Structure formats: structure tokens, C-alpha cells
Amino acid sequence: GLAGPISGFAGWFTVDFKSRTDDAGKDVAPQIPNPAYLSTGPEMGYTHWGQQVFHLPSAIPLLADQTTRIQGTLEMMRTKDSARLYNVRLRFSSSRRRTSSQDRDGDVLMKGKPEEL
């Protein structure tokens, strides 16, 4: 039976503001006495930054007794217009295998074509 589909990926950012410790900055950057942490993740509630959703062209089904593997890369490129804006390229592929108690990595049942968002 169907256990549910994956229709997209979600993204957000987390950053900490603390004193620099790298060789280039530790002696010239200001020391921050009280480091701060900022997350736009869903566990933090509403922020004006929000989260980003990357919708898939078609859903990836999750089926009972099968293991779905999704692997790929996420590439972020700063735009020329603003240092605060990024273009994102997501490349991935998926495959599905039969899951059994005897064989955790069974025969490949489906191998999706590489996708790019």
C-alpha cells in the first residue's frame, strides 16, 4: 500500500553570530561577548524570512515494504544583483528497493531518471 508521497523539499537557514576564530579574522574582527543564534526553521515558529519550498514536477511515492532512496546535490549561487539573494539548483535521483527483514538492501525495483530543479 501507499505510505505517502514526497512532493517537494523544504529549506531554511540557521546561523550563529559569534566572534571569528579563523586566521584571517581572529585578530581584526570585533569580539562578540554574547553570541546569538538565528534559525528560520519550522521549529522556531514564524519569522519574516519564512522557509523555502522546492516543489517536485511529480511526486515520489513512498510504498509500504519498500525503501525509497533520494540522493543528490544542492547548489547555491549568490546573485549578481544582491549579496543576500541566491539562485538554487537542486539535482537528485531516486530509487526504490524491496525492504525485508532478511535483506536490508534488496533488489532495485525502480531507478528514477536524474532530475534538476
Protein backbone atom coordinates (compact mmCIF):
# COMPACT_ATOMS: atom_id res chain seq x y z
CA GLY A 1 0.00 0.00 0.00
CA LEU A 2 0.87 3.65 -0.31
CA ALA A 3 2.58 5.14 2.75
CA GLY A 4 2.63 8.69 1.37
CA PRO A 5 4.23 10.79 -1.37
CA ILE A 6 7.14 13.22 -1.32
CA SER A 7 6.04 16.26 -3.30
CA GLY A 8 8.92 18.62 -2.52
CA PHE A 9 11.81 19.59 -0.31
CA ALA A 10 11.83 22.33 2.32
CA GLY A 11 14.73 24.60 3.16
CA TRP A 12 15.62 27.22 5.76
CA PHE A 13 18.72 28.72 7.26
CA THR A 14 20.37 28.70 10.64
CA VAL A 15 23.23 31.00 11.57
CA ASP A 16 25.20 31.82 14.66
CA PHE A 17 26.73 35.22 15.27
CA LYS A 18 29.92 34.74 17.21
CA SER A 19 33.48 36.00 17.18
CA ARG A 20 35.62 34.88 14.28
CA THR A 21 38.24 32.27 15.08
CA ASP A 22 39.78 31.81 11.61
CA ASP A 23 43.36 33.01 11.00
CA ALA A 24 42.26 35.90 8.74
CA GLY A 25 39.69 37.33 11.13
CA LYS A 26 40.50 36.46 14.71
CA ASP A 27 42.78 39.46 15.28
CA VAL A 28 40.91 42.07 13.21
CA ALA A 29 37.20 41.25 13.57
CA PRO A 30 35.28 42.57 16.57
CA GLN A 31 34.89 40.26 19.55
CA ILE A 32 31.26 39.41 20.24
CA PRO A 33 30.77 38.96 24.00
CA ASN A 34 27.25 37.49 23.72
CA PRO A 35 26.96 35.20 20.70
CA ALA A 36 23.50 34.97 19.15
CA TYR A 37 21.72 32.23 17.21
CA LEU A 38 19.10 32.67 14.50
CA SER A 39 17.07 29.94 12.84
CA THR A 40 14.24 30.25 10.33
CA GLY A 41 13.43 26.56 10.75
CA PRO A 42 9.83 25.45 11.25
CA GLU A 43 10.55 24.57 14.89
CA MET A 44 11.16 28.27 15.60
CA GLY A 45 7.69 29.48 14.57
CA TYR A 46 7.01 32.42 12.29
CA THR A 47 9.80 34.70 11.05
CA HIS A 48 9.54 37.24 8.27
CA TRP A 49 12.14 35.20 6.34
CA GLY A 50 9.98 32.09 6.33
CA GLN A 51 11.05 28.85 4.71
CA GLN A 52 11.51 27.87 1.08
CA VAL A 53 9.72 25.01 -0.66
CA PHE A 54 11.15 23.31 -3.74
CA HIS A 55 8.19 21.57 -5.40
CA LEU A 56 8.86 18.46 -7.47
CA PRO A 57 7.47 18.19 -11.01
CA SER A 58 5.86 14.89 -9.95
CA ALA A 59 5.55 13.28 -6.53
CA ILE A 60 7.80 10.40 -5.44
CA PRO A 61 5.58 7.67 -3.95
CA LEU A 62 6.55 6.01 -0.68
CA LEU A 63 5.34 2.43 -0.66
CA ALA A 64 4.95 0.06 2.27
CA ASP A 65 7.64 -2.66 2.43
CA GLN A 66 9.90 -0.68 0.09
CA THR A 67 12.81 1.63 0.81
CA THR A 68 12.98 4.83 -1.21
CA ARG A 69 16.40 6.45 -1.51
CA ILE A 70 16.80 10.05 -2.69
CA GLN A 71 20.29 11.38 -3.26
CA GLY A 72 21.65 14.47 -4.92
CA THR A 73 23.19 17.89 -4.51
CA LEU A 74 22.04 21.39 -3.62
CA GLU A 75 24.00 24.24 -5.19
CA MET A 76 23.53 27.84 -4.04
CA MET A 77 24.86 30.73 -6.13
CA ARG A 78 24.77 34.32 -4.93
CA THR A 79 23.04 36.61 -7.44
CA LYS A 80 24.89 39.46 -9.13
CA ASP A 81 22.18 41.92 -8.06
CA SER A 82 22.25 41.26 -4.30
CA ALA A 83 24.65 39.54 -1.92
CA ARG A 84 21.58 38.50 0.12
CA LEU A 85 19.82 36.63 -2.72
CA TYR A 86 20.67 33.19 -4.07
CA ASN A 87 19.75 31.06 -7.03
CA VAL A 88 19.40 27.42 -6.06
CA ARG A 89 19.95 24.34 -8.21
CA LEU A 90 18.77 21.02 -6.85
CA ARG A 91 19.84 17.83 -8.62
CA PHE A 92 18.64 14.45 -7.41
CA SER A 93 17.62 10.96 -8.35
CA SER A 94 15.54 8.38 -6.54
CA SER A 95 15.44 4.62 -6.38
CA ARG A 96 13.27 2.07 -4.64
CA ARG A 97 14.19 -1.33 -3.23
CA ARG A 98 12.19 -4.06 -1.57
CA THR A 99 12.60 -3.95 2.21
CA SER A 100 12.65 -7.24 4.09
CA SER A 101 13.89 -8.36 7.47
CA GLN A 102 16.43 -10.69 5.84
CA ASP A 103 17.78 -8.29 3.22
CA ARG A 104 18.04 -4.60 4.18
CA ASP A 105 19.32 -3.69 0.70
CA GLY A 106 17.20 -5.76 -1.72
CA ASP A 107 16.98 -5.72 -5.49
CA VAL A 108 16.35 -2.38 -7.17
CA LEU A 109 12.69 -2.15 -8.17
CA MET A 110 12.80 1.36 -9.65
CA LYS A 111 15.54 3.80 -10.58
CA GLY A 112 14.30 7.29 -11.46
CA LYS A 113 15.96 9.48 -14.04
CA PRO A 114 18.12 12.33 -12.75
CA GLU A 115 16.07 15.48 -12.08
CA GLU A 116 17.08 19.13 -11.82
CA LEU A 117 15.09 21.96 -10.23
